[in-house]
Amino acid sequence: MPYITVKMLEGRTEEQKKALVEKVTDAVNETTGASKDKIVVFIEEMSKNHYATGGKRLSDE
């Protein structure tokens, strides 16, 4: 049973997240042969003040 975690900044619409889950599920199904009903996708959304690169939070830019 494949488990996939997608980490991304918040701000996507529900429609975008739905499409992402469908396409990720399809890709895993096609590449691994795992049954779609056994593929689990987690979306972890982060706020810009919880994500930093180069020593600066994205919310500080």
PDB file of N, CA and C in Angstrom:
ATOM      1  N   MET A   1       0.849  -1.183   0.000  1.00  0.00           N
ATOM      2  CA  MET A   1       0.000   0.000   0.000  1.00  0.00           C
ATOM      3  C   MET A   1       0.888   1.238   0.000  1.00  0.00           C
ATOM      4  N   PRO A   2       1.013   1.937  -1.115  1.00  0.00           N
ATOM      5  CA  PRO A   2       1.844   3.134  -1.169  1.00  0.00           C
ATOM      6  C   PRO A   2       1.233   4.299  -0.385  1.00  0.00           C
ATOM      7  N   TYR A   3       2.091   4.988   0.351  1.00  0.00           N
ATOM      8  CA  TYR A   3       1.718   6.210   1.055  1.00  0.00           C
ATOM      9  C   TYR A   3       2.531   7.348   0.460  1.00  0.00           C
ATOM     10  N   ILE A   4       1.850   8.392   0.013  1.00  0.00           N
ATOM     11  CA  ILE A   4       2.527   9.529  -0.603  1.00  0.00           C
ATOM     12  C   ILE A   4       2.193  10.774   0.195  1.00  0.00           C
ATOM     13  N   THR A   5       3.219  11.532   0.566  1.00  0.00           N
ATOM     14  CA  THR A   5       3.012  12.793   1.271  1.00  0.00           C
ATOM     15  C   THR A   5       3.432  13.934   0.357  1.00  0.00           C
ATOM     16  N   VAL A   6       2.539  14.890   0.181  1.00  0.00           N
ATOM     17  CA  VAL A   6       2.817  16.087  -0.606  1.00  0.00           C
ATOM     18  C   VAL A   6       2.860  17.258   0.370  1.00  0.00           C
ATOM     19  N   LYS A   7       4.004  17.899   0.460  1.00  0.00           N
ATOM     20  CA  LYS A   7       4.150  19.068   1.322  1.00  0.00           C
ATOM     21  C   LYS A   7       4.186  20.291   0.428  1.00  0.00           C
ATOM     22  N   MET A   8       3.338  21.260   0.741  1.00  0.00           N
ATOM     23  CA  MET A   8       3.296  22.468  -0.087  1.00  0.00           C
ATOM     24  C   MET A   8       2.787  23.640   0.742  1.00  0.00           C
ATOM     25  N   LEU A   9       3.071  24.826   0.247  1.00  0.00           N
ATOM     26  CA  LEU A   9       2.574  26.019   0.924  1.00  0.00           C
ATOM     27  C   LEU A   9       1.067  26.106   0.771  1.00  0.00           C
ATOM     28  N   GLU A  10       0.427  26.641   1.778  1.00  0.00           N
ATOM     29  CA  GLU A  10      -1.027  26.810   1.720  1.00  0.00           C
ATOM     30  C   GLU A  10      -1.401  27.800   0.630  1.00  0.00           C
ATOM     31  N   GLY A  11      -2.668  27.757   0.236  1.00  0.00           N
ATOM     32  CA  GLY A  11      -3.146  28.729  -0.735  1.00  0.00           C
ATOM     33  C   GLY A  11      -3.782  28.115  -1.965  1.00  0.00           C
ATOM     34  N   ARG A  12      -3.714  26.792  -2.092  1.00  0.00           N
ATOM     35  CA  ARG A  12      -4.354  26.148  -3.244  1.00  0.00           C
ATOM     36  C   ARG A  12      -5.844  25.999  -2.979  1.00  0.00           C
ATOM     37  N   THR A  13      -6.627  26.001  -4.033  1.00  0.00           N
ATOM     38  CA  THR A  13      -8.073  25.818  -3.889  1.00  0.00           C
ATOM     39  C   THR A  13      -8.380  24.339  -3.666  1.00  0.00           C
ATOM     40  N   GLU A  14      -9.585  24.066  -3.207  1.00  0.00           N
ATOM     41  CA  GLU A  14     -10.016  22.683  -3.028  1.00  0.00           C
ATOM     42  C   GLU A  14     -10.001  21.942  -4.357  1.00  0.00           C
ATOM     43  N   GLU A  15     -10.350  22.631  -5.432  1.00  0.00           N
ATOM     44  CA  GLU A  15     -10.338  22.007  -6.753  1.00  0.00           C
ATOM     45  C   GLU A  15      -8.911  21.618  -7.162  1.00  0.00           C
ATOM     46  N   GLN A  16      -7.941  22.480  -6.870  1.00  0.00           N
ATOM     47  CA  GLN A  16      -6.550  22.180  -7.197  1.00  0.00           C
ATOM     48  C   GLN A  16      -6.055  20.980  -6.396  1.00  0.00           C
ATOM     49  N   LYS A  17      -6.406  20.931  -5.116  1.00  0.00           N
ATOM     50  CA  LYS A  17      -5.976  19.808  -4.281  1.00  0.00           C
ATOM     51  C   LYS A  17      -6.643  18.513  -4.725  1.00  0.00           C
ATOM     52  N   LYS A  18      -7.886  18.578  -5.117  1.00  0.00           N
ATOM     53  CA  LYS A  18      -8.584  17.393  -5.620  1.00  0.00           C
ATOM     54  C   LYS A  18      -7.899  16.877  -6.880  1.00  0.00           C
ATOM     55  N   ALA A  19      -7.581  17.774  -7.800  1.00  0.00           N
ATOM     56  CA  ALA A  19      -6.903  17.384  -9.040  1.00  0.00           C
ATOM     57  C   ALA A  19      -5.518  16.801  -8.748  1.00  0.00           C
ATOM     58  N   LEU A  20      -4.802  17.378  -7.795  1.00  0.00           N
ATOM     59  CA  LEU A  20      -3.482  16.887  -7.418  1.00  0.00           C
ATOM     60  C   LEU A  20      -3.568  15.456  -6.908  1.00  0.00           C
ATOM     61  N   VAL A  21      -4.513  15.201  -6.019  1.00  0.00           N
ATOM     62  CA  VAL A  21      -4.685  13.861  -5.460  1.00  0.00           C
ATOM     63  C   VAL A  21      -5.018  12.860  -6.564  1.00  0.00           C
ATOM     64  N   GLU A  22      -5.889  13.243  -7.474  1.00  0.00           N
ATOM     65  CA  GLU A  22      -6.268  12.339  -8.564  1.00  0.00           C
ATOM     66  C   GLU A  22      -5.071  12.026  -9.454  1.00  0.00           C
ATOM     67  N   LYS A  23      -4.285  13.041  -9.811  1.00  0.00           N
ATOM     68  CA  LYS A  23      -3.152  12.834 -10.713  1.00  0.00           C
ATOM     69  C   LYS A  23      -2.016  12.065 -10.034  1.00  0.00           C
ATOM     70  N   VAL A  24      -1.768  12.344  -8.767  1.00  0.00           N
ATOM     71  CA  VAL A  24      -0.743  11.598  -8.042  1.00  0.00           C
ATOM     72  C   VAL A  24      -1.163  10.127  -7.934  1.00  0.00           C
ATOM     73  N   THR A  25      -2.416   9.892  -7.610  1.00  0.00           N
ATOM     74  CA  THR A  25      -2.926   8.524  -7.522  1.00  0.00           C
ATOM     75  C   THR A  25      -2.785   7.808  -8.853  1.00  0.00           C
ATOM     76  N   ASP A  26      -3.147   8.471  -9.936  1.00  0.00           N
ATOM     77  CA  ASP A  26      -3.011   7.876 -11.269  1.00  0.00           C
ATOM     78  C   ASP A  26      -1.548   7.546 -11.577  1.00  0.00           C
ATOM     79  N   ALA A  27      -0.640   8.468 -11.261  1.00  0.00           N
ATOM     80  CA  ALA A  27       0.779   8.257 -11.551  1.00  0.00           C
ATOM     81  C   ALA A  27       1.331   7.076 -10.769  1.00  0.00           C
ATOM     82  N   VAL A  28       0.973   6.965  -9.499  1.00  0.00           N
ATOM     83  CA  VAL A  28       1.458   5.853  -8.682  1.00  0.00           C
ATOM     84  C   VAL A  28       0.871   4.541  -9.190  1.00  0.00           C
ATOM     85  N   ASN A  29      -0.396   4.558  -9.545  1.00  0.00           N
ATOM     86  CA  ASN A  29      -1.048   3.370 -10.098  1.00  0.00           C
ATOM     87  C   ASN A  29      -0.350   2.922 -11.378  1.00  0.00           C
ATOM     88  N   GLU A  30      -0.072   3.852 -12.276  1.00  0.00           N
ATOM     89  CA  GLU A  30       0.540   3.531 -13.559  1.00  0.00           C
ATOM     90  C   GLU A  30       1.979   3.033 -13.410  1.00  0.00           C
ATOM     91  N   THR A  31       2.731   3.600 -12.471  1.00  0.00           N
ATOM     92  CA  THR A  31       4.149   3.253 -12.355  1.00  0.00           C
ATOM     93  C   THR A  31       4.408   2.051 -11.461  1.00  0.00           C
ATOM     94  N   THR A  32       3.532   1.802 -10.487  1.00  0.00           N
ATOM     95  CA  THR A  32       3.771   0.694  -9.554  1.00  0.00           C
ATOM     96  C   THR A  32       2.798  -0.463  -9.729  1.00  0.00           C
ATOM     97  N   GLY A  33       1.670  -0.195 -10.378  1.00  0.00           N
ATOM     98  CA  GLY A  33       0.648  -1.225 -10.508  1.00  0.00           C
ATOM     99  C   GLY A  33      -0.213  -1.382  -9.271  1.00  0.00           C
ATOM    100  N   ALA A  34       0.018  -0.533  -8.263  1.00  0.00           N
ATOM    101  CA  ALA A  34      -0.802  -0.596  -7.052  1.00  0.00           C
ATOM    102  C   ALA A  34      -2.237  -0.224  -7.379  1.00  0.00           C
ATOM    103  N   SER A  35      -3.154  -0.891  -6.746  1.00  0.00           N
ATOM    104  CA  SER A  35      -4.568  -0.606  -6.938  1.00  0.00           C
ATOM    105  C   SER A  35      -4.883   0.786  -6.395  1.00  0.00           C
ATOM    106  N   LYS A  36      -5.670   1.562  -7.125  1.00  0.00           N
ATOM    107  CA  LYS A  36      -5.979   2.932  -6.709  1.00  0.00           C
ATOM    108  C   LYS A  36      -6.596   2.988  -5.315  1.00  0.00           C
ATOM    109  N   ASP A  37      -7.382   1.992  -4.956  1.00  0.00           N
ATOM    110  CA  ASP A  37      -8.025   2.022  -3.635  1.00  0.00           C
ATOM    111  C   ASP A  37      -7.041   1.717  -2.505  1.00  0.00           C
ATOM    112  N   LYS A  38      -5.813   1.339  -2.840  1.00  0.00           N
ATOM    113  CA  LYS A  38      -4.783   1.080  -1.830  1.00  0.00           C
ATOM    114  C   LYS A  38      -3.763   2.209  -1.738  1.00  0.00           C
ATOM    115  N   ILE A  39      -3.886   3.216  -2.590  1.00  0.00           N
ATOM    116  CA  ILE A  39      -2.943   4.343  -2.610  1.00  0.00           C
ATOM    117  C   ILE A  39      -3.467   5.437  -1.683  1.00  0.00           C
ATOM    118  N   VAL A  40      -2.603   5.856  -0.766  1.00  0.00           N
ATOM    119  CA  VAL A  40      -2.973   6.888   0.202  1.00  0.00           C
ATOM    120  C   VAL A  40      -2.140   8.133  -0.070  1.00  0.00           C
ATOM    121  N   VAL A  41      -2.812   9.286  -0.196  1.00  0.00           N
ATOM    122  CA  VAL A  41      -2.126  10.556  -0.440  1.00  0.00           C
ATOM    123  C   VAL A  41      -2.429  11.501   0.720  1.00  0.00           C
ATOM    124  N   PHE A  42      -1.378  12.007   1.335  1.00  0.00           N
ATOM    125  CA  PHE A  42      -1.501  13.006   2.394  1.00  0.00           C
ATOM    126  C   PHE A  42      -1.076  14.352   1.828  1.00  0.00           C
ATOM    127  N   ILE A  43      -1.842  15.386   2.101  1.00  0.00           N
ATOM    128  CA  ILE A  43      -1.427  16.746   1.745  1.00  0.00           C
ATOM    129  C   ILE A  43      -1.129  17.474   3.052  1.00  0.00           C
ATOM    130  N   GLU A  44       0.099  17.935   3.176  1.00  0.00           N
ATOM    131  CA  GLU A  44       0.500  18.725   4.338  1.00  0.00           C
ATOM    132  C   GLU A  44       0.725  20.154   3.870  1.00  0.00           C
ATOM    133  N   GLU A  45      -0.130  21.054   4.318  1.00  0.00           N
ATOM    134  CA  GLU A  45       0.002  22.454   3.937  1.00  0.00           C
ATOM    135  C   GLU A  45       0.755  23.216   5.023  1.00  0.00           C
ATOM    136  N   MET A  46       1.670  24.052   4.580  1.00  0.00           N
ATOM    137  CA  MET A  46       2.455  24.857   5.503  1.00  0.00           C
ATOM    138  C   MET A  46       2.172  26.330   5.245  1.00  0.00           C
ATOM    139  N   SER A  47       2.116  27.090   6.314  1.00  0.00           N
ATOM    140  CA  SER A  47       1.985  28.528   6.133  1.00  0.00           C
ATOM    141  C   SER A  47       3.364  29.104   5.828  1.00  0.00           C
ATOM    142  N   LYS A  48       3.390  30.275   5.224  1.00  0.00           N
ATOM    143  CA  LYS A  48       4.660  30.881   4.836  1.00  0.00           C
ATOM    144  C   LYS A  48       5.542  31.211   6.030  1.00  0.00           C
ATOM    145  N   ASN A  49       4.954  31.358   7.211  1.00  0.00           N
ATOM    146  CA  ASN A  49       5.781  31.652   8.383  1.00  0.00           C
ATOM    147  C   ASN A  49       6.341  30.373   9.007  1.00  0.00           C
ATOM    148  N   HIS A  50       5.989  29.201   8.453  1.00  0.00           N
ATOM    149  CA  HIS A  50       6.535  27.925   8.915  1.00  0.00           C
ATOM    150  C   HIS A  50       7.492  27.323   7.898  1.00  0.00           C
ATOM    151  N   TYR A  51       7.908  28.099   6.909  1.00  0.00           N
ATOM    152  CA  TYR A  51       8.777  27.601   5.849  1.00  0.00           C
ATOM    153  C   TYR A  51       9.860  28.638   5.589  1.00  0.00           C
ATOM    154  N   ALA A  52      11.084  28.171   5.573  1.00  0.00           N
ATOM    155  CA  ALA A  52      12.201  29.106   5.372  1.00  0.00           C
ATOM    156  C   ALA A  52      13.195  28.524   4.380  1.00  0.00           C
ATOM    157  N   THR A  53      13.834  29.412   3.673  1.00  0.00           N
ATOM    158  CA  THR A  53      14.925  29.028   2.789  1.00  0.00           C
ATOM    159  C   THR A  53      15.976  30.131   2.839  1.00  0.00           C
ATOM    160  N   GLY A  54      17.231  29.736   2.837  1.00  0.00           N
ATOM    161  CA  GLY A  54      18.304  30.718   2.903  1.00  0.00           C
ATOM    162  C   GLY A  54      18.295  31.524   4.196  1.00  0.00           C
ATOM    163  N   GLY A  55      17.770  30.940   5.260  1.00  0.00           N
ATOM    164  CA  GLY A  55      17.743  31.618   6.563  1.00  0.00           C
ATOM    165  C   GLY A  55      16.624  32.624   6.731  1.00  0.00           C
ATOM    166  N   LYS A  56      15.681  32.690   5.792  1.00  0.00           N
ATOM    167  CA  LYS A  56      14.591  33.640   5.899  1.00  0.00           C
ATOM    168  C   LYS A  56      13.256  32.934   5.677  1.00  0.00           C
ATOM    169  N   ARG A  57      12.294  33.259   6.510  1.00  0.00           N
ATOM    170  CA  ARG A  57      10.955  32.728   6.316  1.00  0.00           C
ATOM    171  C   ARG A  57      10.334  33.370   5.092  1.00  0.00           C
ATOM    172  N   LEU A  58       9.524  32.634   4.383  1.00  0.00           N
ATOM    173  CA  LEU A  58       8.863  33.195   3.201  1.00  0.00           C
ATOM    174  C   LEU A  58       7.930  34.330   3.584  1.00  0.00           C
ATOM    175  N   SER A  59       7.381  34.285   4.791  1.00  0.00           N
ATOM    176  CA  SER A  59       6.472  35.353   5.229  1.00  0.00           C
ATOM    177  C   SER A  59       7.217  36.665   5.479  1.00  0.00           C
ATOM    178  N   ASP A  60       8.538  36.597   5.603  1.00  0.00           N
ATOM    179  CA  ASP A  60       9.339  37.816   5.858  1.00  0.00           C
ATOM    180  C   ASP A  60       9.727  38.530   4.576  1.00  0.00           C
ATOM    181  N   GLU A  61       9.444  37.928   3.443  1.00  0.00           N
ATOM    182  CA  GLU A  61       9.844  38.546   2.166  1.00  0.00           C
ATOM    183  C   GLU A  61       8.805  39.511   1.678  1.00  0.00           C
TER     184      GLU A  61
END
